[in-house]
Amino acid sequence: MCAFREAEGADENAVYALAVKFPSTDSIDRVAFHDVWKEKTADTDCYVGVAEAQDAVVGYISGYVHTTFHADRPVAWVDEIFVTEEMRNIGIGRGLMAEIARWATKRGCRLVALASRESAEFYHALGYEEDASRYYKRDLLG
């Protein structure tokens, strides 16, 4: 059985252990992670949620709310979702996405959006649609 909840301060190390496994070309500095963790978990416009199974954090989701012209009201953006490989395909990702959708609804958001090159079938099964946007990034530090 899995439980979903908003992350707490004590979850920092567990989420860090998962975040370093997140598929990205970027590496995570532990000190910088701590600073970002404190900032995100204190900011009411940010959401960090965790999935727990057998007293261990097995997944997390991170996102935030911002306003956009195209939606004419707040929009929630999922910036990361990760589930440990051995716990995939049993509903944990679905549960994490449901948690951020509930949070976004309470915040008055019109939609939840994210960028992903993978897992299209997963997002389609949850009712997400592709749009014409593409996600681009530029490293301003490197």
N, C-alpha and C. Protein backbone atom coordinates (compact mmCIF):
# COMPACT_ATOMS: atom_id res chain seq x y z
N MET A 1 0.85 -1.18 0.00
CA MET A 1 0.00 0.00 0.00
C MET A 1 0.89 1.24 0.00
N CYS A 2 0.43 2.27 -0.67
CA CYS A 2 1.21 3.49 -0.80
C CYS A 2 0.40 4.67 -0.27
N ALA A 3 1.09 5.57 0.40
CA ALA A 3 0.46 6.79 0.91
C ALA A 3 1.09 7.99 0.21
N PHE A 4 0.27 8.99 -0.06
CA PHE A 4 0.72 10.21 -0.72
C PHE A 4 0.49 11.38 0.22
N ARG A 5 1.47 12.28 0.27
CA ARG A 5 1.33 13.43 1.15
C ARG A 5 2.29 14.53 0.71
N GLU A 6 2.04 15.72 1.25
CA GLU A 6 2.97 16.82 1.02
C GLU A 6 4.27 16.53 1.77
N ALA A 7 5.38 16.86 1.15
CA ALA A 7 6.68 16.60 1.76
C ALA A 7 6.87 17.44 3.02
N GLU A 8 7.65 16.88 3.94
CA GLU A 8 8.00 17.56 5.18
C GLU A 8 9.52 17.69 5.22
N GLY A 9 10.00 18.51 6.13
CA GLY A 9 11.44 18.72 6.27
C GLY A 9 12.24 17.44 6.41
N ALA A 10 11.69 16.48 7.13
CA ALA A 10 12.39 15.22 7.36
C ALA A 10 12.53 14.38 6.09
N ASP A 11 11.84 14.73 5.02
CA ASP A 11 11.90 13.99 3.76
C ASP A 11 13.07 14.42 2.87
N GLU A 12 13.78 15.44 3.27
CA GLU A 12 14.82 16.01 2.40
C GLU A 12 15.83 14.96 1.92
N ASN A 13 16.40 14.19 2.80
CA ASN A 13 17.42 13.22 2.39
C ASN A 13 16.85 12.15 1.47
N ALA A 14 15.65 11.70 1.74
CA ALA A 14 15.02 10.67 0.90
C ALA A 14 14.74 11.22 -0.50
N VAL A 15 14.24 12.44 -0.56
CA VAL A 15 13.96 13.03 -1.87
C VAL A 15 15.27 13.30 -2.62
N TYR A 16 16.29 13.74 -1.91
CA TYR A 16 17.59 13.94 -2.56
C TYR A 16 18.10 12.63 -3.17
N ALA A 17 17.97 11.53 -2.43
CA ALA A 17 18.43 10.23 -2.92
C ALA A 17 17.70 9.83 -4.20
N LEU A 18 16.46 10.24 -4.33
CA LEU A 18 15.71 9.97 -5.57
C LEU A 18 16.07 10.98 -6.66
N ALA A 19 16.20 12.23 -6.27
CA ALA A 19 16.46 13.29 -7.26
C ALA A 19 17.77 13.07 -8.01
N VAL A 20 18.76 12.50 -7.37
CA VAL A 20 20.03 12.25 -8.07
C VAL A 20 19.88 11.17 -9.13
N LYS A 21 18.80 10.40 -9.08
CA LYS A 21 18.52 9.38 -10.08
C LYS A 21 17.63 9.90 -11.21
N PHE A 22 17.15 11.14 -11.08
CA PHE A 22 16.27 11.73 -12.08
C PHE A 22 17.01 11.77 -13.42
N PRO A 23 16.37 11.33 -14.50
CA PRO A 23 17.06 11.31 -15.80
C PRO A 23 17.28 12.72 -16.35
N SER A 24 18.47 13.19 -16.23
CA SER A 24 18.81 14.54 -16.67
C SER A 24 20.30 14.60 -16.98
N THR A 25 20.66 15.55 -17.81
CA THR A 25 22.08 15.75 -18.09
C THR A 25 22.72 16.61 -17.01
N ASP A 26 21.91 17.19 -16.14
CA ASP A 26 22.41 18.03 -15.06
C ASP A 26 22.72 17.18 -13.83
N SER A 27 23.76 17.55 -13.10
CA SER A 27 24.05 16.87 -11.84
C SER A 27 23.54 17.74 -10.70
N ILE A 28 23.34 17.12 -9.54
CA ILE A 28 22.77 17.84 -8.41
C ILE A 28 23.83 18.01 -7.33
N ASP A 29 24.08 19.24 -6.98
CA ASP A 29 24.98 19.56 -5.89
C ASP A 29 24.21 19.45 -4.58
N ARG A 30 24.72 18.72 -3.61
CA ARG A 30 23.99 18.46 -2.36
C ARG A 30 23.69 19.75 -1.60
N VAL A 31 24.65 20.66 -1.52
CA VAL A 31 24.43 21.92 -0.80
C VAL A 31 23.37 22.75 -1.50
N ALA A 32 23.44 22.84 -2.82
CA ALA A 32 22.44 23.59 -3.58
C ALA A 32 21.07 22.95 -3.44
N PHE A 33 21.01 21.61 -3.43
CA PHE A 33 19.75 20.92 -3.24
C PHE A 33 19.11 21.33 -1.92
N HIS A 34 19.91 21.37 -0.87
CA HIS A 34 19.40 21.75 0.45
C HIS A 34 18.78 23.15 0.41
N ASP A 35 19.46 24.09 -0.24
CA ASP A 35 18.95 25.45 -0.32
C ASP A 35 17.64 25.50 -1.12
N VAL A 36 17.60 24.78 -2.23
CA VAL A 36 16.38 24.75 -3.05
C VAL A 36 15.26 24.06 -2.28
N TRP A 37 15.58 22.98 -1.58
CA TRP A 37 14.59 22.27 -0.78
C TRP A 37 13.93 23.22 0.22
N LYS A 38 14.75 23.95 0.95
CA LYS A 38 14.21 24.88 1.95
C LYS A 38 13.32 25.93 1.28
N GLU A 39 13.78 26.46 0.15
CA GLU A 39 13.01 27.48 -0.56
C GLU A 39 11.68 26.93 -1.06
N LYS A 40 11.72 25.77 -1.74
CA LYS A 40 10.49 25.20 -2.31
C LYS A 40 9.49 24.79 -1.24
N THR A 41 9.97 24.18 -0.16
CA THR A 41 9.03 23.72 0.86
C THR A 41 8.48 24.86 1.71
N ALA A 42 9.09 26.02 1.65
CA ALA A 42 8.57 27.18 2.38
C ALA A 42 7.66 28.06 1.51
N ASP A 43 7.74 27.91 0.21
CA ASP A 43 7.01 28.76 -0.73
C ASP A 43 5.61 28.19 -0.97
N THR A 44 4.58 28.96 -0.67
CA THR A 44 3.21 28.48 -0.84
C THR A 44 2.82 28.33 -2.31
N ASP A 45 3.61 28.87 -3.23
CA ASP A 45 3.35 28.69 -4.66
C ASP A 45 4.05 27.45 -5.21
N CYS A 46 4.74 26.71 -4.35
CA CYS A 46 5.42 25.48 -4.76
C CYS A 46 4.80 24.29 -4.04
N TYR A 47 4.88 23.16 -4.69
CA TYR A 47 4.39 21.92 -4.10
C TYR A 47 5.45 20.84 -4.26
N VAL A 48 5.75 20.16 -3.18
CA VAL A 48 6.58 18.96 -3.21
C VAL A 48 5.79 17.88 -2.50
N GLY A 49 5.50 16.82 -3.21
CA GLY A 49 4.76 15.71 -2.64
C GLY A 49 5.58 14.45 -2.70
N VAL A 50 5.30 13.53 -1.79
CA VAL A 50 6.01 12.26 -1.77
C VAL A 50 5.03 11.09 -1.73
N ALA A 51 5.54 9.97 -2.19
CA ALA A 51 4.82 8.70 -2.09
C ALA A 51 5.63 7.81 -1.15
N GLU A 52 4.95 7.23 -0.19
CA GLU A 52 5.60 6.36 0.79
C GLU A 52 5.04 4.95 0.69
N ALA A 53 5.93 3.98 0.72
CA ALA A 53 5.54 2.57 0.78
C ALA A 53 6.51 1.87 1.70
N GLN A 54 5.99 1.06 2.60
CA GLN A 54 6.83 0.32 3.54
C GLN A 54 7.80 1.25 4.28
N ASP A 55 7.29 2.39 4.73
CA ASP A 55 8.05 3.37 5.52
C ASP A 55 9.23 3.98 4.77
N ALA A 56 9.18 3.97 3.44
CA ALA A 56 10.24 4.59 2.65
C ALA A 56 9.62 5.48 1.57
N VAL A 57 10.29 6.58 1.28
CA VAL A 57 9.85 7.45 0.19
C VAL A 57 10.27 6.77 -1.12
N VAL A 58 9.29 6.48 -1.97
CA VAL A 58 9.55 5.76 -3.21
C VAL A 58 9.28 6.60 -4.45
N GLY A 59 8.83 7.83 -4.23
CA GLY A 59 8.58 8.73 -5.34
C GLY A 59 8.34 10.13 -4.84
N TYR A 60 8.51 11.08 -5.75
CA TYR A 60 8.24 12.48 -5.41
C TYR A 60 7.75 13.22 -6.65
N ILE A 61 7.10 14.34 -6.39
CA ILE A 61 6.67 15.23 -7.45
C ILE A 61 6.93 16.66 -6.98
N SER A 62 7.32 17.50 -7.90
CA SER A 62 7.63 18.89 -7.58
C SER A 62 7.01 19.78 -8.64
N GLY A 63 6.41 20.86 -8.20
CA GLY A 63 5.80 21.79 -9.14
C GLY A 63 5.52 23.13 -8.49
N TYR A 64 4.93 23.99 -9.26
CA TYR A 64 4.63 25.32 -8.77
C TYR A 64 3.48 25.93 -9.55
N VAL A 65 2.95 27.02 -9.03
CA VAL A 65 1.86 27.75 -9.66
C VAL A 65 2.40 29.07 -10.19
N HIS A 66 1.96 29.42 -11.39
CA HIS A 66 2.29 30.73 -11.95
C HIS A 66 1.13 31.16 -12.86
N THR A 67 1.08 32.41 -13.17
CA THR A 67 0.02 32.90 -14.05
C THR A 67 0.53 32.97 -15.48
N THR A 68 -0.39 32.80 -16.42
CA THR A 68 -0.05 32.90 -17.83
C THR A 68 -1.13 33.68 -18.54
N PHE A 69 -0.77 34.30 -19.63
CA PHE A 69 -1.75 35.00 -20.44
C PHE A 69 -2.68 34.01 -21.14
N HIS A 70 -2.13 32.90 -21.65
CA HIS A 70 -2.94 31.99 -22.46
C HIS A 70 -4.02 31.26 -21.66
N ALA A 71 -3.83 31.12 -20.37
CA ALA A 71 -4.82 30.41 -19.56
C ALA A 71 -5.75 31.37 -18.82
N ASP A 72 -5.42 32.62 -18.78
CA ASP A 72 -6.15 33.69 -18.10
C ASP A 72 -6.44 33.43 -16.63
N ARG A 73 -5.65 32.60 -16.02
CA ARG A 73 -5.69 32.33 -14.58
C ARG A 73 -4.47 31.50 -14.22
N PRO A 74 -4.27 31.15 -12.97
CA PRO A 74 -3.08 30.38 -12.60
C PRO A 74 -3.01 29.02 -13.29
N VAL A 75 -1.77 28.59 -13.48
CA VAL A 75 -1.47 27.30 -14.08
C VAL A 75 -0.47 26.60 -13.16
N ALA A 76 -0.63 25.31 -12.99
CA ALA A 76 0.36 24.53 -12.24
C ALA A 76 1.32 23.89 -13.24
N TRP A 77 2.59 23.92 -12.90
CA TRP A 77 3.62 23.33 -13.75
C TRP A 77 4.34 22.26 -12.95
N VAL A 78 4.39 21.05 -13.48
CA VAL A 78 5.14 19.96 -12.86
C VAL A 78 6.55 20.03 -13.41
N ASP A 79 7.51 20.27 -12.53
CA ASP A 79 8.89 20.33 -13.02
C ASP A 79 9.62 19.01 -12.86
N GLU A 80 9.20 18.17 -11.92
CA GLU A 80 9.81 16.85 -11.76
C GLU A 80 8.81 15.87 -11.18
N ILE A 81 8.86 14.66 -11.68
CA ILE A 81 8.16 13.54 -11.06
C ILE A 81 9.07 12.33 -11.23
N PHE A 82 9.24 11.59 -10.14
CA PHE A 82 10.14 10.44 -10.19
C PHE A 82 9.63 9.36 -9.25
N VAL A 83 9.66 8.12 -9.73
CA VAL A 83 9.31 6.95 -8.92
C VAL A 83 10.45 5.95 -9.08
N THR A 84 10.84 5.33 -7.98
CA THR A 84 11.92 4.34 -8.07
C THR A 84 11.53 3.25 -9.06
N GLU A 85 12.53 2.75 -9.75
CA GLU A 85 12.29 1.80 -10.83
C GLU A 85 11.50 0.57 -10.36
N GLU A 86 11.84 0.05 -9.19
CA GLU A 86 11.17 -1.15 -8.71
C GLU A 86 9.72 -0.90 -8.29
N MET A 87 9.31 0.35 -8.17
CA MET A 87 7.94 0.68 -7.76
C MET A 87 7.11 1.26 -8.90
N ARG A 88 7.61 1.19 -10.11
CA ARG A 88 6.88 1.73 -11.25
C ARG A 88 5.79 0.77 -11.71
N ASN A 89 4.83 1.34 -12.41
CA ASN A 89 3.73 0.57 -13.03
C ASN A 89 2.78 -0.06 -12.03
N ILE A 90 2.68 0.56 -10.84
CA ILE A 90 1.70 0.07 -9.85
C ILE A 90 0.82 1.22 -9.34
N GLY A 91 0.85 2.37 -10.02
CA GLY A 91 -0.05 3.47 -9.68
C GLY A 91 0.56 4.60 -8.87
N ILE A 92 1.84 4.54 -8.58
CA ILE A 92 2.43 5.58 -7.76
C ILE A 92 2.55 6.90 -8.54
N GLY A 93 3.00 6.84 -9.77
CA GLY A 93 3.05 8.05 -10.59
C GLY A 93 1.67 8.66 -10.76
N ARG A 94 0.68 7.83 -11.00
CA ARG A 94 -0.71 8.29 -11.12
C ARG A 94 -1.14 8.99 -9.83
N GLY A 95 -0.80 8.41 -8.69
CA GLY A 95 -1.17 9.01 -7.41
C GLY A 95 -0.49 10.35 -7.18
N LEU A 96 0.80 10.44 -7.55
CA LEU A 96 1.51 11.71 -7.40
C LEU A 96 0.90 12.78 -8.30
N MET A 97 0.55 12.41 -9.53
CA MET A 97 -0.08 13.38 -10.44
C MET A 97 -1.45 13.80 -9.91
N ALA A 98 -2.17 12.88 -9.30
CA ALA A 98 -3.47 13.23 -8.71
C ALA A 98 -3.30 14.20 -7.55
N GLU A 99 -2.25 14.01 -6.75
CA GLU A 99 -2.00 14.90 -5.62
C GLU A 99 -1.71 16.33 -6.08
N ILE A 100 -0.88 16.48 -7.10
CA ILE A 100 -0.58 17.83 -7.55
C ILE A 100 -1.80 18.45 -8.23
N ALA A 101 -2.63 17.63 -8.87
CA ALA A 101 -3.86 18.15 -9.47
C ALA A 101 -4.82 18.65 -8.40
N ARG A 102 -4.92 17.92 -7.29
CA ARG A 102 -5.77 18.37 -6.17
C ARG A 102 -5.26 19.69 -5.61
N TRP A 103 -3.95 19.77 -5.40
CA TRP A 103 -3.33 21.00 -4.89
C TRP A 103 -3.59 22.15 -5.85
N ALA A 104 -3.41 21.91 -7.14
CA ALA A 104 -3.61 22.96 -8.15
C ALA A 104 -5.07 23.42 -8.19
N THR A 105 -5.98 22.49 -8.06
CA THR A 105 -7.40 22.84 -8.06
C THR A 105 -7.72 23.76 -6.89
N LYS A 106 -7.19 23.44 -5.71
CA LYS A 106 -7.40 24.29 -4.53
C LYS A 106 -6.81 25.68 -4.74
N ARG A 107 -5.78 25.78 -5.57
CA ARG A 107 -5.13 27.07 -5.85
C ARG A 107 -5.84 27.83 -6.97
N GLY A 108 -6.91 27.28 -7.53
CA GLY A 108 -7.66 27.95 -8.59
C GLY A 108 -7.03 27.82 -9.97
N CYS A 109 -6.20 26.83 -10.16
CA CYS A 109 -5.53 26.65 -11.45
C CYS A 109 -6.49 26.15 -12.52
N ARG A 110 -6.25 26.61 -13.72
CA ARG A 110 -7.04 26.16 -14.86
C ARG A 110 -6.53 24.83 -15.40
N LEU A 111 -5.23 24.63 -15.34
CA LEU A 111 -4.65 23.40 -15.87
C LEU A 111 -3.35 23.06 -15.19
N VAL A 112 -2.93 21.83 -15.40
CA VAL A 112 -1.62 21.36 -14.97
C VAL A 112 -0.85 21.04 -16.25
N ALA A 113 0.37 21.52 -16.32
CA ALA A 113 1.19 21.31 -17.52
C ALA A 113 2.55 20.78 -17.14
N LEU A 114 3.22 20.17 -18.09
CA LEU A 114 4.57 19.67 -17.88
C LEU A 114 5.21 19.43 -19.24
N ALA A 115 6.51 19.27 -19.23
CA ALA A 115 7.25 18.93 -20.44
C ALA A 115 7.90 17.57 -20.21
N SER A 116 7.76 16.68 -21.18
CA SER A 116 8.37 15.37 -21.08
C SER A 116 8.58 14.80 -22.47
N ARG A 117 9.74 14.24 -22.68
CA ARG A 117 9.99 13.57 -23.95
C ARG A 117 9.63 12.09 -23.86
N GLU A 118 9.38 11.63 -22.66
CA GLU A 118 9.09 10.22 -22.45
C GLU A 118 7.75 10.08 -21.74
N SER A 119 7.30 8.87 -21.65
CA SER A 119 6.09 8.53 -20.89
C SER A 119 4.81 9.11 -21.47
N ALA A 120 4.76 9.31 -22.78
CA ALA A 120 3.55 9.88 -23.40
C ALA A 120 2.32 9.03 -23.08
N GLU A 121 2.44 7.71 -23.14
CA GLU A 121 1.30 6.85 -22.86
C GLU A 121 0.79 7.06 -21.43
N PHE A 122 1.70 7.23 -20.49
CA PHE A 122 1.33 7.48 -19.09
C PHE A 122 0.50 8.76 -18.98
N TYR A 123 1.00 9.85 -19.56
CA TYR A 123 0.29 11.13 -19.46
C TYR A 123 -1.03 11.11 -20.24
N HIS A 124 -1.06 10.46 -21.37
CA HIS A 124 -2.31 10.34 -22.13
C HIS A 124 -3.35 9.57 -21.32
N ALA A 125 -2.93 8.50 -20.65
CA ALA A 125 -3.86 7.71 -19.83
C ALA A 125 -4.45 8.53 -18.68
N LEU A 126 -3.74 9.57 -18.26
CA LEU A 126 -4.24 10.45 -17.18
C LEU A 126 -5.08 11.60 -17.72
N GLY A 127 -5.25 11.66 -19.05
CA GLY A 127 -6.07 12.72 -19.64
C GLY A 127 -5.29 13.93 -20.10
N TYR A 128 -3.98 13.86 -20.10
CA TYR A 128 -3.15 14.97 -20.57
C TYR A 128 -3.05 14.92 -22.09
N GLU A 129 -3.05 16.08 -22.70
CA GLU A 129 -2.96 16.19 -24.15
C GLU A 129 -1.68 16.91 -24.53
N GLU A 130 -1.12 16.52 -25.66
CA GLU A 130 0.04 17.24 -26.18
C GLU A 130 -0.44 18.52 -26.83
N ASP A 131 0.40 19.55 -26.75
CA ASP A 131 0.09 20.77 -27.48
C ASP A 131 1.26 21.08 -28.41
N ALA A 132 1.22 22.20 -29.05
CA ALA A 132 2.24 22.54 -30.05
C ALA A 132 3.55 23.00 -29.43
N SER A 133 3.59 23.15 -28.13
CA SER A 133 4.79 23.65 -27.46
C SER A 133 5.90 22.61 -27.47
N ARG A 134 7.10 23.10 -27.40
CA ARG A 134 8.27 22.25 -27.17
C ARG A 134 9.02 22.88 -26.01
N TYR A 135 9.71 22.07 -25.29
CA TYR A 135 10.46 22.55 -24.14
C TYR A 135 11.90 22.77 -24.56
N TYR A 136 12.40 23.95 -24.32
CA TYR A 136 13.79 24.29 -24.61
C TYR A 136 14.42 24.80 -23.34
N LYS A 137 15.70 24.59 -23.19
CA LYS A 137 16.39 25.14 -22.04
C LYS A 137 17.76 25.65 -22.48
N ARG A 138 18.26 26.62 -21.77
CA ARG A 138 19.59 27.17 -22.02
C ARG A 138 20.27 27.34 -20.68
N ASP A 139 21.42 26.75 -20.53
CA ASP A 139 22.19 26.83 -19.30
C ASP A 139 22.84 28.21 -19.22
N LEU A 140 22.46 29.02 -18.26
CA LEU A 140 22.99 30.35 -18.09
C LEU A 140 24.25 30.37 -17.23
N LEU A 141 24.60 29.24 -16.66
CA LEU A 141 25.79 29.18 -15.81
C LEU A 141 26.97 28.50 -16.49
N GLY A 142 26.72 27.81 -17.57
CA GLY A 142 27.80 27.05 -18.19
C GLY A 142 28.17 27.48 -19.56
